[in-house]
C-alpha atoms as a PDB file:
ATOM      1  CA  MET A   1      -0.194  -0.167   0.232  1.00  0.00           C
ATOM      2  CA  SER A   2       2.753   2.256   0.750  1.00  0.00           C
ATOM      3  CA  SER A   3       4.388   1.489  -2.471  1.00  0.00           C
ATOM      4  CA  ARG A   4       1.598   2.391  -4.343  1.00  0.00           C
ATOM      5  CA  LYS A   5       1.133   5.984  -2.292  1.00  0.00           C
ATOM      6  CA  PHE A   6       5.160   6.560  -3.222  1.00  0.00           C
ATOM      7  CA  LEU A   7       4.465   5.792  -7.026  1.00  0.00           C
ATOM      8  CA  GLN A   8       1.678   8.259  -7.348  1.00  0.00           C
ATOM      9  CA  PRO A   9       3.627  11.621  -6.373  1.00  0.00           C
ATOM     10  CA  THR A  10       6.497  10.241  -9.004  1.00  0.00           C
ATOM     11  CA  ALA A  11       3.858   9.525 -11.720  1.00  0.00           C
ATOM     12  CA  ALA A  12       2.300  13.072 -11.053  1.00  0.00           C
ATOM     13  CA  ALA A  13       5.761  14.861 -11.121  1.00  0.00           C
ATOM     14  CA  LEU A  14       6.656  12.904 -14.358  1.00  0.00           C
ATOM     15  CA  GLY A  15       3.203  14.511 -16.008  1.00  0.00           C
ATOM     16  CA  VAL A  16       3.985  17.963 -14.448  1.00  0.00           C
ATOM     17  CA  ALA A  17       7.215  18.096 -16.252  1.00  0.00           C
ATOM     18  CA  LEU A  18       5.924  16.308 -19.532  1.00  0.00           C
ATOM     19  CA  LEU A  19       3.253  19.244 -19.683  1.00  0.00           C
ATOM     20  CA  LEU A  20       6.073  22.153 -19.039  1.00  0.00           C
ATOM     21  CA  ALA A  21       8.192  20.715 -21.806  1.00  0.00           C
ATOM     22  CA  GLY A  22       8.137  23.346 -24.454  1.00  0.00           C
ATOM     23  CA  CYS A  23       9.214  21.234 -27.535  1.00  0.00           C
ATOM     24  CA  ALA A  24       8.072  17.788 -27.796  1.00  0.00           C
ATOM     25  CA  THR A  25       9.755  16.928 -31.303  1.00  0.00           C
ATOM     26  CA  GLU A  26      12.952  18.548 -32.499  1.00  0.00           C
ATOM     27  CA  VAL A  27      14.728  17.884 -35.908  1.00  0.00           C
ATOM     28  CA  ALA A  28      17.694  19.519 -36.388  1.00  0.00           C
ATOM     29  CA  GLN A  29      20.227  19.546 -39.461  1.00  0.00           C
ATOM     30  CA  HIS A  30      22.080  21.888 -41.464  1.00  0.00           C
ATOM     31  CA  ALA A  31      23.121  22.455 -44.802  1.00  0.00           C
ATOM     32  CA  PHE A  32      26.238  23.141 -46.258  1.00  0.00           C
ATOM     33  CA  LEU A  33      26.891  26.796 -48.507  1.00  0.00           C
ATOM     34  CA  GLY A  34      30.262  25.180 -50.096  1.00  0.00           C
ATOM     35  CA  GLN A  35      32.630  22.894 -49.205  1.00  0.00           C
ATOM     36  CA  PRO A  36      32.164  20.855 -46.051  1.00  0.00           C
ATOM     37  CA  ARG A  37      34.047  21.358 -43.082  1.00  0.00           C
ATOM     38  CA  PRO A  38      35.163  19.025 -40.469  1.00  0.00           C
ATOM     39  CA  ALA A  39      33.038  18.941 -36.992  1.00  0.00           C
ATOM     40  CA  LYS A  40      33.972  20.970 -34.391  1.00  0.00           C
ATOM     41  CA  PRO A  41      34.401  19.186 -30.587  1.00  0.00           C
ATOM     42  CA  ALA A  42      31.400  19.043 -28.389  1.00  0.00           C
ATOM     43  CA  SER A  43      33.541  21.560 -26.094  1.00  0.00           C
ATOM     44  CA  HIS A  44      34.130  24.188 -28.910  1.00  0.00           C
ATOM     45  CA  LEU A  45      32.305  27.343 -27.833  1.00  0.00           C
ATOM     46  CA  VAL A  46      29.890  28.527 -30.412  1.00  0.00           C
ATOM     47  CA  GLU A  47      29.522  32.444 -30.631  1.00  0.00           C
ATOM     48  CA  VAL A  48      25.798  33.803 -30.780  1.00  0.00           C
ATOM     49  CA  TYR A  49      25.130  36.913 -32.397  1.00  0.00           C
ATOM     50  CA  THR A  50      21.653  37.932 -32.255  1.00  0.00           C
ATOM     51  CA  ASN A  51      21.953  41.473 -33.298  1.00  0.00           C
ATOM     52  CA  GLY A  52      24.369  42.384 -36.216  1.00  0.00           C
ATOM     53  CA  LEU A  53      27.147  40.627 -37.388  1.00  0.00           C
ATOM     54  CA  PRO A  54      30.768  39.622 -35.904  1.00  0.00           C
ATOM     55  CA  THR A  55      33.261  42.284 -36.433  1.00  0.00           C
ATOM     56  CA  ARG A  56      36.094  39.926 -37.382  1.00  0.00           C
ATOM     57  CA  PRO A  57      36.296  38.622 -41.049  1.00  0.00           C
ATOM     58  CA  PHE A  58      34.055  35.529 -41.193  1.00  0.00           C
ATOM     59  CA  GLU A  59      32.726  32.924 -43.961  1.00  0.00           C
ATOM     60  CA  ARG A  60      29.093  31.932 -44.106  1.00  0.00           C
ATOM     61  CA  VAL A  61      29.631  28.003 -43.975  1.00  0.00           C
ATOM     62  CA  ALA A  62      26.029  26.328 -43.566  1.00  0.00           C
ATOM     63  CA  ILE A  63      22.249  26.775 -43.194  1.00  0.00           C
ATOM     64  CA  LEU A  64      20.967  25.903 -39.786  1.00  0.00           C
ATOM     65  CA  ASP A  65      17.756  24.755 -39.173  1.00  0.00           C
ATOM     66  CA  VAL A  66      15.687  23.121 -36.321  1.00  0.00           C
ATOM     67  CA  HIS A  67      11.880  22.277 -36.478  1.00  0.00           C
ATOM     68  CA  CYS A  68      10.434  22.162 -33.073  1.00  0.00           C
ATOM     69  CA  GLU A  69       6.830  20.981 -32.160  1.00  0.00           C
ATOM     70  CA  SER A  70       5.022  21.774 -29.189  1.00  0.00           C
ATOM     71  CA  GLN A  71       3.938  20.034 -25.960  1.00  0.00           C
ATOM     72  CA  VAL A  72       0.401  20.531 -24.950  1.00  0.00           C
ATOM     73  CA  PHE A  73       0.077  24.302 -24.242  1.00  0.00           C
ATOM     74  CA  MET A  74       3.888  25.419 -24.231  1.00  0.00           C
ATOM     75  CA  GLN A  75       4.955  27.123 -27.565  1.00  0.00           C
ATOM     76  CA  PRO A  76       8.291  26.122 -28.541  1.00  0.00           C
ATOM     77  CA  ASN A  77      10.985  28.634 -27.272  1.00  0.00           C
ATOM     78  CA  LEU A  78      14.174  29.932 -29.155  1.00  0.00           C
ATOM     79  CA  VAL A  79      16.368  30.221 -26.146  1.00  0.00           C
ATOM     80  CA  SER A  80      15.508  26.858 -24.153  1.00  0.00           C
ATOM     81  CA  ASP A  81      14.234  24.760 -27.361  1.00  0.00           C
ATOM     82  CA  GLY A  82      16.020  26.072 -30.561  1.00  0.00           C
ATOM     83  CA  LEU A  83      19.197  27.772 -29.589  1.00  0.00           C
ATOM     84  CA  PRO A  84      20.915  24.405 -28.141  1.00  0.00           C
ATOM     85  CA  LYS A  85      20.112  22.728 -31.271  1.00  0.00           C
ATOM     86  CA  LEU A  86      21.515  25.643 -33.519  1.00  0.00           C
ATOM     87  CA  ILE A  87      24.775  25.354 -31.705  1.00  0.00           C
ATOM     88  CA  ASP A  88      24.697  21.836 -31.818  1.00  0.00           C
ATOM     89  CA  GLN A  89      24.221  22.010 -35.636  1.00  0.00           C
ATOM     90  CA  ALA A  90      26.776  24.465 -35.840  1.00  0.00           C
ATOM     91  CA  ARG A  91      29.593  22.536 -34.369  1.00  0.00           C
ATOM     92  CA  LYS A  92      28.607  19.632 -36.436  1.00  0.00           C
ATOM     93  CA  SER A  93      28.915  21.867 -39.810  1.00  0.00           C
ATOM     94  CA  GLY A  94      32.543  23.055 -38.428  1.00  0.00           C
ATOM     95  CA  CYS A  95      31.190  26.514 -37.438  1.00  0.00           C
ATOM     96  CA  ASP A  96      32.321  29.205 -34.589  1.00  0.00           C
ATOM     97  CA  ALA A  97      29.412  31.369 -34.729  1.00  0.00           C
ATOM     98  CA  ILE A  98      25.408  31.494 -35.483  1.00  0.00           C
ATOM     99  CA  ILE A  99      23.922  34.811 -36.865  1.00  0.00           C
ATOM    100  CA  GLU A 100      20.806  35.794 -38.813  1.00  0.00           C
ATOM    101  CA  ILE A 101      18.851  33.792 -36.534  1.00  0.00           C
ATOM    102  CA  GLU A 102      14.951  33.485 -37.140  1.00  0.00           C
ATOM    103  CA  ALA A 103      12.035  32.324 -35.822  1.00  0.00           C
ATOM    104  CA  ARG A 104       9.216  30.896 -38.235  1.00  0.00           C
ATOM    105  CA  LYS A 105       5.684  29.835 -37.721  1.00  0.00           C
ATOM    106  CA  PRO A 106       3.815  28.223 -40.482  1.00  0.00           C
ATOM    107  CA  ALA A 107       0.681  29.544 -42.175  1.00  0.00           C
ATOM    108  CA  ASN A 108      -1.713  27.126 -40.408  1.00  0.00           C
ATOM    109  CA  TRP A 109      -0.004  27.884 -36.972  1.00  0.00           C
ATOM    110  CA  THR A 110      -2.941  26.695 -33.990  1.00  0.00           C
ATOM    111  CA  LEU A 111      -3.319  26.066 -30.616  1.00  0.00           C
ATOM    112  CA  GLU A 112      -3.269  22.505 -31.683  1.00  0.00           C
ATOM    113  CA  THR A 113      -0.438  22.516 -34.219  1.00  0.00           C
ATOM    114  CA  LYS A 114       2.452  24.462 -32.716  1.00  0.00           C
ATOM    115  CA  SER A 115       5.192  24.319 -34.444  1.00  0.00           C
ATOM    116  CA  ILE A 116       8.248  26.967 -34.949  1.00  0.00           C
ATOM    117  CA  HIS A 117      11.312  26.672 -37.326  1.00  0.00           C
ATOM    118  CA  PHE A 118      14.262  28.282 -35.795  1.00  0.00           C
ATOM    119  CA  THR A 119      16.623  28.963 -38.550  1.00  0.00           C
ATOM    120  CA  ALA A 120      20.431  30.686 -38.627  1.00  0.00           C
ATOM    121  CA  VAL A 121      23.416  31.032 -40.742  1.00  0.00           C
ATOM    122  CA  GLY A 122      26.908  29.274 -39.365  1.00  0.00           C
ATOM    123  CA  VAL A 123      30.026  30.844 -40.142  1.00  0.00           C
ATOM    124  CA  ALA A 124      33.593  30.378 -39.365  1.00  0.00           C
ATOM    125  CA  PHE A 125      36.311  32.742 -38.456  1.00  0.00           C
ATOM    126  CA  LYS A 126      39.110  33.438 -40.910  1.00  0.00           C
END
């Protein structure tokens, strides 16, 4: 009997955690704009430029894309859902920074079908 009482709060906590998750499905990919580059290590710091461009010379390397579908009532969020995946794709495509970040909702966006595409350009410093 006591084990049953213990499981109920745990199941409730799991349910709340799932409800609070903003992005249930994430599909991330990148497309090279030119010659493919070797991936950067997981520890490589990727700079994120939300306004403007880097001041040092750079080369556009890849288009980064994250498709994120919502979970229940939570709308996907750039900071918690999109940005980590964009950074991961930047590393995989050999980039040092992310620029020109955009979020796009499809034309048929509704409360039931909340999905957002986060896109950016991955660049490598010269």
